[in-house]
């Protein structure tokens, strides 16, 4: 990011564990989709990052703008809700179609959110679409002046899904 002053000789990449900690611990995420014509849409969602699989999933109504956009254009950006230590993940989204795979995500979703919202049920989540995001790249930025130019990091996910070292 040399145009933003991020070309400092003291640059040191953030470890992936830093990003994973923020993704796993985030309660609400921003999801950005775009229609087939490129019209953007951003909205906050509940979601679950699984660092073992390096995948993100959220649910949405089948008639929602998110669902319509993803049906026409699977490219998506997912961001944690904070900006001081931000993580954004770019990738491709797909509706989960298999019952076994859906059950895995529903269990993860309930494990995360049911302690805060005991009325949340698997039936409710299953009534909606479960969308899984396969990441292509992620960005981590610390918005504190003393760290901004020395810590901004990009991770690239090969087709295997494992994050690679940041490019030089």
N, C-alpha and C. Protein backbone atom coordinates (compact mmCIF):
# COMPACT_ATOMS: atom_id res chain seq x y z
N UNK A 1 0.83 -1.19 0.00
CA UNK A 1 0.00 0.00 0.00
C UNK A 1 0.88 1.25 0.00
N UNK A 2 1.82 1.36 -0.93
CA UNK A 2 2.73 2.51 -0.90
C UNK A 2 2.02 3.86 -1.03
N UNK A 3 0.87 3.91 -1.68
CA UNK A 3 0.15 5.18 -1.81
C UNK A 3 -0.39 5.68 -0.47
N UNK A 4 -0.43 4.81 0.53
CA UNK A 4 -0.90 5.18 1.86
C UNK A 4 0.25 5.25 2.86
N UNK A 5 1.48 5.20 2.37
CA UNK A 5 2.63 5.25 3.25
C UNK A 5 2.99 3.92 3.86
N UNK A 6 2.42 2.84 3.34
CA UNK A 6 2.71 1.52 3.87
C UNK A 6 3.79 0.87 3.00
N UNK A 7 4.98 1.39 3.12
CA UNK A 7 6.13 0.79 2.45
C UNK A 7 7.34 0.96 3.36
N UNK A 8 7.05 1.02 4.64
CA UNK A 8 8.05 1.24 5.67
C UNK A 8 9.03 0.06 5.72
N UNK A 9 10.31 0.35 5.86
CA UNK A 9 11.32 -0.70 5.96
C UNK A 9 11.12 -1.56 7.20
N UNK A 10 10.41 -1.05 8.19
CA UNK A 10 10.16 -1.79 9.43
C UNK A 10 8.93 -2.69 9.32
N UNK A 11 8.32 -2.79 8.12
CA UNK A 11 7.11 -3.59 7.95
C UNK A 11 7.35 -5.04 8.37
N UNK A 12 6.41 -5.56 9.09
CA UNK A 12 6.43 -6.95 9.52
C UNK A 12 4.99 -7.46 9.42
N UNK A 13 4.77 -8.56 8.70
CA UNK A 13 3.39 -9.01 8.52
C UNK A 13 2.73 -9.43 9.82
N UNK A 14 1.45 -9.19 9.89
CA UNK A 14 0.66 -9.72 10.99
C UNK A 14 0.56 -11.23 10.80
N UNK A 15 0.60 -12.01 11.85
CA UNK A 15 0.42 -13.45 11.69
C UNK A 15 -1.04 -13.78 11.39
N UNK A 16 -1.28 -14.86 10.68
CA UNK A 16 -2.65 -15.25 10.39
C UNK A 16 -3.45 -15.42 11.68
N UNK A 17 -2.82 -15.87 12.74
CA UNK A 17 -3.53 -16.06 14.01
C UNK A 17 -4.17 -14.76 14.50
N UNK A 18 -3.57 -13.60 14.19
CA UNK A 18 -4.15 -12.31 14.54
C UNK A 18 -5.48 -12.12 13.82
N UNK A 19 -5.51 -12.41 12.53
CA UNK A 19 -6.75 -12.28 11.75
C UNK A 19 -7.79 -13.29 12.22
N UNK A 20 -7.36 -14.53 12.43
CA UNK A 20 -8.29 -15.58 12.85
C UNK A 20 -8.95 -15.24 14.18
N UNK A 21 -8.19 -14.68 15.10
CA UNK A 21 -8.74 -14.29 16.39
C UNK A 21 -9.88 -13.28 16.23
N UNK A 22 -9.72 -12.33 15.34
CA UNK A 22 -10.75 -11.32 15.11
C UNK A 22 -11.96 -11.91 14.37
N UNK A 23 -11.71 -12.78 13.43
CA UNK A 23 -12.81 -13.41 12.69
C UNK A 23 -13.64 -14.33 13.59
N UNK A 24 -12.98 -15.14 14.40
CA UNK A 24 -13.69 -16.06 15.28
C UNK A 24 -14.47 -15.30 16.35
N UNK A 25 -13.87 -14.24 16.90
CA UNK A 25 -14.49 -13.52 18.01
C UNK A 25 -15.51 -12.47 17.63
N UNK A 26 -15.66 -12.19 16.36
CA UNK A 26 -16.57 -11.13 15.93
C UNK A 26 -18.03 -11.59 16.05
N UNK A 27 -18.88 -10.74 16.62
CA UNK A 27 -20.30 -11.07 16.75
C UNK A 27 -21.06 -10.76 15.46
N UNK A 28 -20.86 -9.57 14.92
CA UNK A 28 -21.56 -9.16 13.70
C UNK A 28 -20.52 -8.80 12.63
N UNK A 29 -20.80 -9.18 11.42
CA UNK A 29 -19.92 -8.94 10.29
C UNK A 29 -20.62 -8.08 9.26
N UNK A 30 -19.86 -7.37 8.46
CA UNK A 30 -20.38 -6.69 7.29
C UNK A 30 -20.18 -7.61 6.09
N UNK A 31 -21.22 -7.80 5.32
CA UNK A 31 -21.14 -8.58 4.08
C UNK A 31 -21.48 -7.64 2.94
N UNK A 32 -20.60 -7.61 1.94
CA UNK A 32 -20.81 -6.76 0.76
C UNK A 32 -20.97 -7.67 -0.44
N UNK A 33 -22.08 -7.48 -1.14
CA UNK A 33 -22.35 -8.21 -2.38
C UNK A 33 -22.57 -7.19 -3.49
N UNK A 34 -22.64 -7.68 -4.70
CA UNK A 34 -22.94 -6.80 -5.84
C UNK A 34 -23.86 -7.54 -6.79
N UNK A 35 -24.79 -6.82 -7.37
CA UNK A 35 -25.71 -7.41 -8.33
C UNK A 35 -24.96 -7.75 -9.62
N UNK A 36 -25.63 -8.40 -10.54
CA UNK A 36 -25.02 -8.73 -11.84
C UNK A 36 -24.58 -7.45 -12.55
N UNK A 37 -25.29 -6.36 -12.34
CA UNK A 37 -24.95 -5.08 -12.96
C UNK A 37 -23.93 -4.28 -12.17
N UNK A 38 -23.46 -4.80 -11.03
CA UNK A 38 -22.44 -4.12 -10.26
C UNK A 38 -22.95 -3.23 -9.14
N UNK A 39 -24.26 -3.21 -8.90
CA UNK A 39 -24.81 -2.38 -7.82
C UNK A 39 -24.44 -2.99 -6.47
N UNK A 40 -23.70 -2.25 -5.64
CA UNK A 40 -23.25 -2.82 -4.36
C UNK A 40 -24.34 -2.83 -3.30
N UNK A 41 -24.18 -3.73 -2.35
CA UNK A 41 -25.08 -3.84 -1.22
C UNK A 41 -24.26 -4.29 -0.02
N UNK A 42 -24.33 -3.54 1.07
CA UNK A 42 -23.62 -3.89 2.30
C UNK A 42 -24.62 -4.01 3.42
N UNK A 43 -24.47 -5.04 4.22
CA UNK A 43 -25.36 -5.23 5.35
C UNK A 43 -24.65 -6.01 6.45
N UNK A 44 -25.07 -5.78 7.68
CA UNK A 44 -24.51 -6.51 8.81
C UNK A 44 -25.24 -7.84 8.96
N UNK A 45 -24.46 -8.87 9.29
CA UNK A 45 -25.03 -10.21 9.48
C UNK A 45 -24.35 -10.87 10.67
N UNK A 46 -25.00 -11.89 11.19
CA UNK A 46 -24.33 -12.81 12.09
C UNK A 46 -23.66 -13.85 11.22
N UNK A 47 -22.52 -14.32 11.64
CA UNK A 47 -21.83 -15.33 10.86
C UNK A 47 -20.79 -16.04 11.70
N UNK A 48 -20.24 -17.10 11.12
CA UNK A 48 -19.29 -17.94 11.81
C UNK A 48 -18.07 -18.16 10.93
N UNK A 49 -16.90 -17.85 11.47
CA UNK A 49 -15.64 -18.19 10.81
C UNK A 49 -15.14 -19.48 11.44
N UNK A 50 -14.81 -20.46 10.62
CA UNK A 50 -14.21 -21.70 11.11
C UNK A 50 -12.76 -21.69 10.66
N UNK A 51 -11.83 -21.55 11.60
CA UNK A 51 -10.43 -21.45 11.22
C UNK A 51 -9.82 -22.79 10.87
N UNK A 52 -10.44 -23.88 11.27
CA UNK A 52 -9.97 -25.20 10.86
C UNK A 52 -10.19 -25.43 9.36
N UNK A 53 -11.34 -25.01 8.89
CA UNK A 53 -11.67 -25.16 7.46
C UNK A 53 -11.34 -23.91 6.65
N UNK A 54 -11.05 -22.82 7.33
CA UNK A 54 -10.82 -21.53 6.67
C UNK A 54 -12.00 -21.17 5.79
N UNK A 55 -13.18 -21.19 6.39
CA UNK A 55 -14.42 -20.85 5.70
C UNK A 55 -15.28 -19.99 6.61
N UNK A 56 -16.15 -19.22 5.98
CA UNK A 56 -17.11 -18.36 6.70
C UNK A 56 -18.49 -18.75 6.22
N UNK A 57 -19.46 -18.70 7.12
CA UNK A 57 -20.84 -18.95 6.73
C UNK A 57 -21.77 -18.00 7.46
N UNK A 58 -22.85 -17.65 6.78
CA UNK A 58 -23.90 -16.83 7.37
C UNK A 58 -25.22 -17.30 6.79
N UNK A 59 -26.30 -16.88 7.41
CA UNK A 59 -27.61 -17.23 6.87
C UNK A 59 -28.30 -15.95 6.40
N UNK A 60 -29.20 -16.13 5.45
CA UNK A 60 -29.98 -14.98 4.97
C UNK A 60 -31.28 -15.49 4.37
N UNK A 61 -32.23 -14.60 4.30
CA UNK A 61 -33.52 -14.94 3.72
C UNK A 61 -33.37 -15.26 2.23
N UNK A 62 -34.11 -16.24 1.75
CA UNK A 62 -33.99 -16.61 0.34
C UNK A 62 -34.44 -15.51 -0.63
N UNK A 63 -35.23 -14.54 -0.15
CA UNK A 63 -35.67 -13.44 -1.02
C UNK A 63 -34.93 -12.14 -0.74
N UNK A 64 -33.88 -12.21 0.08
CA UNK A 64 -33.14 -11.01 0.43
C UNK A 64 -32.30 -10.52 -0.76
N UNK A 65 -31.92 -9.26 -0.69
CA UNK A 65 -31.07 -8.72 -1.74
C UNK A 65 -29.73 -9.45 -1.77
N UNK A 66 -29.19 -9.80 -0.60
CA UNK A 66 -27.94 -10.57 -0.55
C UNK A 66 -28.08 -11.84 -1.37
N UNK A 67 -29.14 -12.57 -1.14
CA UNK A 67 -29.34 -13.84 -1.85
C UNK A 67 -29.48 -13.62 -3.35
N UNK A 68 -30.24 -12.60 -3.74
CA UNK A 68 -30.39 -12.33 -5.18
C UNK A 68 -29.05 -11.92 -5.79
N UNK A 69 -28.31 -11.06 -5.09
CA UNK A 69 -27.02 -10.65 -5.60
C UNK A 69 -26.08 -11.84 -5.75
N UNK A 70 -26.01 -12.68 -4.73
CA UNK A 70 -25.10 -13.82 -4.79
C UNK A 70 -25.51 -14.83 -5.86
N UNK A 71 -26.79 -14.90 -6.15
CA UNK A 71 -27.24 -15.77 -7.24
C UNK A 71 -26.74 -15.29 -8.59
N UNK A 72 -26.54 -13.99 -8.72
CA UNK A 72 -26.08 -13.42 -9.99
C UNK A 72 -24.57 -13.20 -10.01
N UNK A 73 -23.97 -13.00 -8.84
CA UNK A 73 -22.55 -12.66 -8.75
C UNK A 73 -22.03 -13.21 -7.42
N UNK A 74 -21.28 -14.30 -7.43
CA UNK A 74 -20.88 -14.94 -6.18
C UNK A 74 -19.76 -14.23 -5.42
N UNK A 75 -19.19 -13.18 -6.01
CA UNK A 75 -18.09 -12.48 -5.33
C UNK A 75 -18.63 -11.71 -4.12
N UNK A 76 -17.89 -11.82 -3.01
CA UNK A 76 -18.35 -11.25 -1.75
C UNK A 76 -17.15 -10.77 -0.94
N UNK A 77 -17.40 -9.79 -0.09
CA UNK A 77 -16.42 -9.35 0.90
C UNK A 77 -17.08 -9.45 2.27
N UNK A 78 -16.35 -10.01 3.21
CA UNK A 78 -16.82 -10.14 4.59
C UNK A 78 -15.82 -9.39 5.47
N UNK A 79 -16.35 -8.53 6.35
CA UNK A 79 -15.49 -7.74 7.22
C UNK A 79 -15.96 -7.82 8.65
N UNK A 80 -14.98 -7.79 9.58
CA UNK A 80 -15.34 -7.70 10.99
C UNK A 80 -15.95 -6.33 11.24
N UNK A 81 -16.67 -6.19 12.33
CA UNK A 81 -17.40 -4.94 12.56
C UNK A 81 -16.54 -3.81 13.12
N UNK A 82 -15.32 -4.07 13.50
CA UNK A 82 -14.47 -3.02 14.03
C UNK A 82 -13.52 -2.47 12.99
N UNK A 83 -13.11 -1.22 13.17
CA UNK A 83 -12.20 -0.62 12.20
C UNK A 83 -10.81 -0.38 12.75
N UNK A 84 -10.63 -0.35 14.06
CA UNK A 84 -9.30 -0.11 14.62
C UNK A 84 -8.36 -1.26 14.32
N UNK A 85 -8.87 -2.48 14.33
CA UNK A 85 -8.13 -3.67 13.96
C UNK A 85 -9.03 -4.45 13.00
N UNK A 86 -8.93 -4.10 11.73
CA UNK A 86 -9.90 -4.63 10.77
C UNK A 86 -9.34 -5.81 9.99
N UNK A 87 -10.25 -6.69 9.66
CA UNK A 87 -9.96 -7.84 8.79
C UNK A 87 -11.06 -7.88 7.76
N UNK A 88 -10.68 -7.97 6.50
CA UNK A 88 -11.66 -8.17 5.44
C UNK A 88 -11.23 -9.38 4.63
N UNK A 89 -12.21 -10.17 4.25
CA UNK A 89 -11.98 -11.40 3.50
C UNK A 89 -12.74 -11.30 2.19
N UNK A 90 -12.05 -11.49 1.08
CA UNK A 90 -12.67 -11.51 -0.24
C UNK A 90 -12.74 -12.96 -0.71
N UNK A 91 -13.84 -13.31 -1.36
CA UNK A 91 -13.94 -14.67 -1.85
C UNK A 91 -15.20 -14.88 -2.65
N UNK A 92 -15.53 -16.15 -2.81
CA UNK A 92 -16.72 -16.54 -3.56
C UNK A 92 -17.68 -17.23 -2.60
N UNK A 93 -18.95 -16.91 -2.74
CA UNK A 93 -19.99 -17.46 -1.86
C UNK A 93 -20.87 -18.41 -2.64
N UNK A 94 -21.36 -19.41 -1.94
CA UNK A 94 -22.30 -20.37 -2.53
C UNK A 94 -23.28 -20.82 -1.46
N UNK A 95 -24.51 -21.03 -1.85
CA UNK A 95 -25.51 -21.55 -0.93
C UNK A 95 -25.17 -23.01 -0.65
N UNK A 96 -25.19 -23.37 0.62
CA UNK A 96 -24.93 -24.76 1.02
C UNK A 96 -26.15 -25.58 0.64
N UNK A 97 -25.92 -26.66 -0.09
CA UNK A 97 -27.05 -27.46 -0.56
C UNK A 97 -27.17 -28.81 0.14
N UNK A 98 -26.10 -29.38 0.63
CA UNK A 98 -26.18 -30.69 1.28
C UNK A 98 -26.65 -30.59 2.71
N UNK A 99 -27.53 -31.52 3.11
CA UNK A 99 -28.05 -31.51 4.48
C UNK A 99 -26.95 -31.69 5.51
N UNK A 100 -25.98 -32.57 5.22
CA UNK A 100 -24.90 -32.80 6.18
C UNK A 100 -24.06 -31.54 6.37
N UNK A 101 -23.73 -30.89 5.26
CA UNK A 101 -22.92 -29.66 5.34
C UNK A 101 -23.71 -28.56 6.04
N UNK A 102 -24.98 -28.43 5.73
CA UNK A 102 -25.82 -27.43 6.39
C UNK A 102 -25.86 -27.68 7.89
N UNK A 103 -25.96 -28.94 8.29
CA UNK A 103 -26.03 -29.28 9.72
C UNK A 103 -24.75 -28.87 10.45
N UNK A 104 -23.61 -29.01 9.78
CA UNK A 104 -22.34 -28.59 10.39
C UNK A 104 -22.37 -27.10 10.68
N UNK A 105 -22.79 -26.30 9.70
CA UNK A 105 -22.82 -24.84 9.89
C UNK A 105 -23.89 -24.43 10.90
N UNK A 106 -25.03 -25.08 10.89
CA UNK A 106 -26.08 -24.74 11.86
C UNK A 106 -25.57 -25.01 13.27
N UNK A 107 -24.88 -26.13 13.47
CA UNK A 107 -24.34 -26.45 14.80
C UNK A 107 -23.34 -25.37 15.23
N UNK A 108 -22.46 -24.95 14.32
CA UNK A 108 -21.49 -23.90 14.64
C UNK A 108 -22.20 -22.58 14.97
N UNK A 109 -23.21 -22.26 14.19
CA UNK A 109 -23.98 -21.03 14.37
C UNK A 109 -24.66 -21.02 15.73
N UNK A 110 -25.29 -22.13 16.08
CA UNK A 110 -25.98 -22.22 17.36
C UNK A 110 -25.00 -22.19 18.53
N UNK A 111 -23.86 -22.84 18.37
CA UNK A 111 -22.84 -22.83 19.43
C UNK A 111 -22.40 -21.40 19.72
N UNK A 112 -22.27 -20.61 18.68
CA UNK A 112 -21.82 -19.23 18.85
C UNK A 112 -22.91 -18.31 19.40
N UNK A 113 -24.12 -18.39 18.84
CA UNK A 113 -25.14 -17.38 19.13
C UNK A 113 -26.19 -17.80 20.16
N UNK A 114 -26.42 -19.09 20.35
CA UNK A 114 -27.47 -19.50 21.28
C UNK A 114 -27.19 -19.10 22.73
N UNK A 115 -25.92 -19.08 23.20
CA UNK A 115 -25.70 -18.61 24.57
C UNK A 115 -26.18 -17.16 24.78
N UNK A 116 -26.11 -16.33 23.74
CA UNK A 116 -26.56 -14.94 23.86
C UNK A 116 -28.06 -14.82 23.59
N UNK A 117 -28.57 -15.73 22.77
CA UNK A 117 -29.97 -15.69 22.34
C UNK A 117 -30.56 -17.10 22.44
N UNK A 118 -30.95 -17.52 23.64
CA UNK A 118 -31.41 -18.90 23.85
C UNK A 118 -32.62 -19.29 22.99
N UNK A 119 -33.38 -18.32 22.53
CA UNK A 119 -34.55 -18.64 21.72
C UNK A 119 -34.20 -19.03 20.28
N UNK A 120 -32.95 -18.85 19.88
CA UNK A 120 -32.50 -19.22 18.54
C UNK A 120 -32.54 -20.73 18.38
N UNK A 121 -33.16 -21.20 17.30
CA UNK A 121 -33.30 -22.64 17.09
C UNK A 121 -32.71 -23.06 15.74
N UNK A 122 -32.39 -24.32 15.65
CA UNK A 122 -31.90 -24.88 14.40
C UNK A 122 -32.99 -24.77 13.32
N UNK A 123 -34.23 -24.94 13.70
CA UNK A 123 -35.33 -24.84 12.73
C UNK A 123 -35.35 -23.45 12.09
N UNK A 124 -35.16 -22.42 12.91
CA UNK A 124 -35.16 -21.06 12.37
C UNK A 124 -34.02 -20.89 11.36
N UNK A 125 -32.83 -21.33 11.72
CA UNK A 125 -31.69 -21.18 10.82
C UNK A 125 -31.92 -21.96 9.53
N UNK A 126 -32.45 -23.17 9.65
CA UNK A 126 -32.72 -24.01 8.46
C UNK A 126 -33.79 -23.41 7.54
N UNK A 127 -34.65 -22.53 8.06
CA UNK A 127 -35.67 -21.90 7.22
C UNK A 127 -35.07 -20.92 6.22
N UNK A 128 -33.84 -20.54 6.46
CA UNK A 128 -33.16 -19.57 5.60
C UNK A 128 -32.07 -20.25 4.81
N UNK A 129 -31.43 -19.50 3.93
CA UNK A 129 -30.29 -20.02 3.19
C UNK A 129 -29.06 -19.98 4.09
N UNK A 130 -28.22 -20.97 3.95
CA UNK A 130 -26.92 -20.95 4.60
C UNK A 130 -25.91 -20.75 3.48
N UNK A 131 -25.15 -19.69 3.61
CA UNK A 131 -24.20 -19.29 2.56
C UNK A 131 -22.79 -19.50 3.08
N UNK A 132 -21.97 -20.20 2.32
CA UNK A 132 -20.58 -20.46 2.70
C UNK A 132 -19.65 -19.67 1.79
N UNK A 133 -18.65 -19.05 2.39
CA UNK A 133 -17.68 -18.23 1.65
C UNK A 133 -16.34 -18.94 1.66
N UNK A 134 -15.80 -19.14 0.46
CA UNK A 134 -14.44 -19.66 0.30
C UNK A 134 -13.54 -18.47 0.02
N UNK A 135 -12.60 -18.20 0.93
CA UNK A 135 -11.77 -17.00 0.76
C UNK A 135 -10.75 -17.13 -0.36
N UNK A 136 -10.46 -16.01 -0.99
CA UNK A 136 -9.38 -15.92 -1.98
C UNK A 136 -8.22 -15.11 -1.40
N UNK A 137 -8.55 -14.05 -0.66
CA UNK A 137 -7.52 -13.21 -0.03
C UNK A 137 -8.16 -12.52 1.17
N UNK A 138 -7.29 -12.07 2.05
CA UNK A 138 -7.75 -11.34 3.23
C UNK A 138 -6.76 -10.21 3.51
N UNK A 139 -7.26 -9.19 4.17
CA UNK A 139 -6.45 -8.02 4.51
C UNK A 139 -6.62 -7.72 5.98
N UNK A 140 -5.52 -7.39 6.62
CA UNK A 140 -5.54 -6.97 8.01
C UNK A 140 -4.89 -5.62 8.15
N UNK A 141 -5.56 -4.71 8.83
CA UNK A 141 -5.03 -3.35 9.00
C UNK A 141 -5.28 -2.92 10.44
N UNK A 142 -4.24 -2.38 11.04
CA UNK A 142 -4.36 -1.78 12.37
C UNK A 142 -4.38 -0.28 12.16
N UNK A 143 -5.44 0.36 12.59
CA UNK A 143 -5.66 1.79 12.32
C UNK A 143 -5.01 2.71 13.34
N UNK A 144 -4.08 2.23 14.09
CA UNK A 144 -3.35 3.10 15.02
C UNK A 144 -2.11 3.61 14.30
N UNK A 145 -1.85 4.91 14.40
CA UNK A 145 -0.78 5.55 13.64
C UNK A 145 0.56 4.84 13.77
N UNK A 146 0.89 4.41 14.97
CA UNK A 146 2.20 3.80 15.19
C UNK A 146 2.33 2.41 14.55
N UNK A 147 1.22 1.80 14.16
CA UNK A 147 1.27 0.46 13.57
C UNK A 147 0.79 0.40 12.13
N UNK A 148 0.11 1.42 11.66
CA UNK A 148 -0.51 1.36 10.34
C UNK A 148 0.51 1.03 9.24
N UNK A 149 1.62 1.77 9.20
CA UNK A 149 2.56 1.59 8.10
C UNK A 149 3.47 0.38 8.29
N UNK A 150 3.43 -0.24 9.45
CA UNK A 150 4.34 -1.35 9.69
C UNK A 150 3.64 -2.69 9.85
N UNK A 151 2.32 -2.74 9.74
CA UNK A 151 1.62 -4.00 10.00
C UNK A 151 0.56 -4.38 8.96
N UNK A 152 0.18 -3.50 8.06
CA UNK A 152 -0.85 -3.86 7.08
C UNK A 152 -0.41 -5.12 6.35
N UNK A 153 -1.32 -6.09 6.25
CA UNK A 153 -0.95 -7.41 5.73
C UNK A 153 -2.02 -7.92 4.77
N UNK A 154 -1.56 -8.59 3.73
CA UNK A 154 -2.47 -9.30 2.82
C UNK A 154 -2.10 -10.77 2.85
N UNK A 155 -3.12 -11.61 3.00
CA UNK A 155 -2.93 -13.05 2.94
C UNK A 155 -3.60 -13.55 1.67
N UNK A 156 -2.99 -14.50 1.01
CA UNK A 156 -3.54 -15.09 -0.20
C UNK A 156 -3.85 -16.55 0.09
N UNK A 157 -5.05 -16.97 -0.27
CA UNK A 157 -5.47 -18.34 -0.05
C UNK A 157 -5.36 -19.10 -1.37
N UNK A 158 -4.47 -20.09 -1.44
CA UNK A 158 -4.46 -20.91 -2.65
C UNK A 158 -5.76 -21.70 -2.75
N UNK A 159 -5.96 -22.40 -3.81
CA UNK A 159 -7.22 -23.13 -4.00
C UNK A 159 -7.47 -24.12 -2.88
N UNK A 160 -6.44 -24.49 -2.12
CA UNK A 160 -6.63 -25.40 -1.00
C UNK A 160 -7.32 -24.70 0.17
N UNK A 161 -7.32 -23.36 0.16
CA UNK A 161 -7.97 -22.62 1.23
C UNK A 161 -7.04 -22.20 2.34
N UNK A 162 -5.81 -22.73 2.38
CA UNK A 162 -4.89 -22.34 3.45
C UNK A 162 -4.23 -21.02 3.11
N UNK A 163 -4.16 -20.10 4.08
CA UNK A 163 -3.55 -18.81 3.76
C UNK A 163 -2.06 -18.97 3.53
N UNK A 164 -1.59 -18.30 2.50
CA UNK A 164 -0.16 -18.31 2.22
C UNK A 164 0.52 -17.15 2.89
N UNK A 165 1.82 -17.15 2.80
CA UNK A 165 2.56 -16.00 3.33
C UNK A 165 2.19 -14.76 2.53
N UNK A 166 2.23 -13.61 3.17
CA UNK A 166 1.94 -12.40 2.42
C UNK A 166 2.95 -12.22 1.30
N UNK A 167 2.51 -11.72 0.17
CA UNK A 167 3.45 -11.49 -0.92
C UNK A 167 4.47 -10.43 -0.54
N UNK A 168 5.66 -10.50 -1.13
CA UNK A 168 6.67 -9.49 -0.79
C UNK A 168 6.23 -8.10 -1.19
